[in-house]
Amino acid sequence: MALLGAQATQDPEALYNRVCMAKLMQHVTQGFKAMPPRGLCMDCSTEDYQAINELMVSKPGR
């Protein structure tokens, strides 16, 4: 059971994956280093980026 709104850590890998995906989405939407915010696609939705990220993560090396 998590206390005070903390993430439950019964599954550390799932927690790590959630945190990594959240950070990736932050970098995509806000930009990171030389990457512009939203990859300069202002018409793309957060859901579009999330779907692309999930696809890339599910098929590494392709």
C-alpha atoms as a PDB file:
ATOM      1  CA  MET A   1       0.000   0.000   0.000  1.00  0.00           C
ATOM      2  CA  ALA A   2       1.315   3.440  -0.901  1.00  0.00           C
ATOM      3  CA  LEU A   3       1.299   6.182   1.685  1.00  0.00           C
ATOM      4  CA  LEU A   4       0.684   9.888   1.141  1.00  0.00           C
ATOM      5  CA  GLY A   5       0.156   9.480  -2.592  1.00  0.00           C
ATOM      6  CA  ALA A   6       3.472   7.704  -3.203  1.00  0.00           C
ATOM      7  CA  GLN A   7       3.691   5.167  -6.016  1.00  0.00           C
ATOM      8  CA  ALA A   8       3.301   1.552  -4.924  1.00  0.00           C
ATOM      9  CA  THR A   9       6.506  -0.375  -5.616  1.00  0.00           C
ATOM     10  CA  GLN A  10       5.271  -3.973  -5.677  1.00  0.00           C
ATOM     11  CA  ASP A  11       6.313  -4.015  -9.334  1.00  0.00           C
ATOM     12  CA  PRO A  12       9.495  -1.930  -9.638  1.00  0.00           C
ATOM     13  CA  GLU A  13       9.805  -2.593 -13.382  1.00  0.00           C
ATOM     14  CA  ALA A  14       6.297  -1.271 -14.056  1.00  0.00           C
ATOM     15  CA  LEU A  15       7.034   1.811 -11.961  1.00  0.00           C
ATOM     16  CA  TYR A  16      10.312   2.378 -13.837  1.00  0.00           C
ATOM     17  CA  ASN A  17       8.533   2.041 -17.199  1.00  0.00           C
ATOM     18  CA  ARG A  18       5.832   4.535 -16.167  1.00  0.00           C
ATOM     19  CA  VAL A  19       8.412   7.055 -14.986  1.00  0.00           C
ATOM     20  CA  CYS A  20      10.496   6.647 -18.164  1.00  0.00           C
ATOM     21  CA  MET A  21       7.461   7.047 -20.431  1.00  0.00           C
ATOM     22  CA  ALA A  22       6.348  10.139 -18.499  1.00  0.00           C
ATOM     23  CA  LYS A  23       9.818  11.679 -18.856  1.00  0.00           C
ATOM     24  CA  LEU A  24       9.916  10.815 -22.562  1.00  0.00           C
ATOM     25  CA  MET A  25       6.524  12.479 -23.078  1.00  0.00           C
ATOM     26  CA  GLN A  26       7.770  15.547 -21.214  1.00  0.00           C
ATOM     27  CA  HIS A  27      10.786  15.790 -23.531  1.00  0.00           C
ATOM     28  CA  VAL A  28       8.608  15.321 -26.630  1.00  0.00           C
ATOM     29  CA  THR A  29       6.065  17.970 -25.672  1.00  0.00           C
ATOM     30  CA  GLN A  30       8.470  20.510 -24.146  1.00  0.00           C
ATOM     31  CA  GLY A  31      11.556  19.834 -26.247  1.00  0.00           C
ATOM     32  CA  PHE A  32      14.942  18.585 -25.067  1.00  0.00           C
ATOM     33  CA  LYS A  33      18.374  19.956 -25.927  1.00  0.00           C
ATOM     34  CA  ALA A  34      18.373  20.442 -29.733  1.00  0.00           C
ATOM     35  CA  MET A  35      14.943  18.812 -30.191  1.00  0.00           C
ATOM     36  CA  PRO A  36      12.209  21.442 -30.592  1.00  0.00           C
ATOM     37  CA  PRO A  37       8.956  21.159 -28.635  1.00  0.00           C
ATOM     38  CA  ARG A  38       6.495  18.712 -30.184  1.00  0.00           C
ATOM     39  CA  GLY A  39       9.009  18.003 -32.962  1.00  0.00           C
ATOM     40  CA  LEU A  40       7.578  21.110 -34.653  1.00  0.00           C
ATOM     41  CA  CYS A  41       4.276  19.266 -35.244  1.00  0.00           C
ATOM     42  CA  MET A  42       1.787  21.559 -33.548  1.00  0.00           C
ATOM     43  CA  ASP A  43      -1.123  19.588 -35.036  1.00  0.00           C
ATOM     44  CA  CYS A  44      -0.017  16.335 -33.357  1.00  0.00           C
ATOM     45  CA  SER A  45      -1.850  15.482 -30.146  1.00  0.00           C
ATOM     46  CA  THR A  46      -0.353  14.113 -26.961  1.00  0.00           C
ATOM     47  CA  GLU A  47      -2.164  10.855 -27.769  1.00  0.00           C
ATOM     48  CA  ASP A  48      -0.428  10.745 -31.175  1.00  0.00           C
ATOM     49  CA  TYR A  49       2.977  11.069 -29.539  1.00  0.00           C
ATOM     50  CA  GLN A  50       2.080   8.537 -26.868  1.00  0.00           C
ATOM     51  CA  ALA A  51       1.043   5.979 -29.502  1.00  0.00           C
ATOM     52  CA  ILE A  52       4.254   6.526 -31.478  1.00  0.00           C
ATOM     53  CA  ASN A  53       6.398   6.209 -28.352  1.00  0.00           C
ATOM     54  CA  GLU A  54       4.648   2.993 -27.308  1.00  0.00           C
ATOM     55  CA  LEU A  55       5.151   1.559 -30.806  1.00  0.00           C
ATOM     56  CA  MET A  56       8.868   2.413 -30.804  1.00  0.00           C
ATOM     57  CA  VAL A  57       9.371   0.983 -27.311  1.00  0.00           C
ATOM     58  CA  SER A  58       7.537  -2.242 -28.207  1.00  0.00           C
ATOM     59  CA  LYS A  59       9.746  -2.835 -31.293  1.00  0.00           C
ATOM     60  CA  PRO A  60      13.314  -1.939 -30.351  1.00  0.00           C
ATOM     61  CA  GLY A  61      15.971  -2.139 -33.042  1.00  0.00           C
ATOM     62  CA  ARG A  62      13.570  -1.969 -35.982  1.00  0.00           C
END
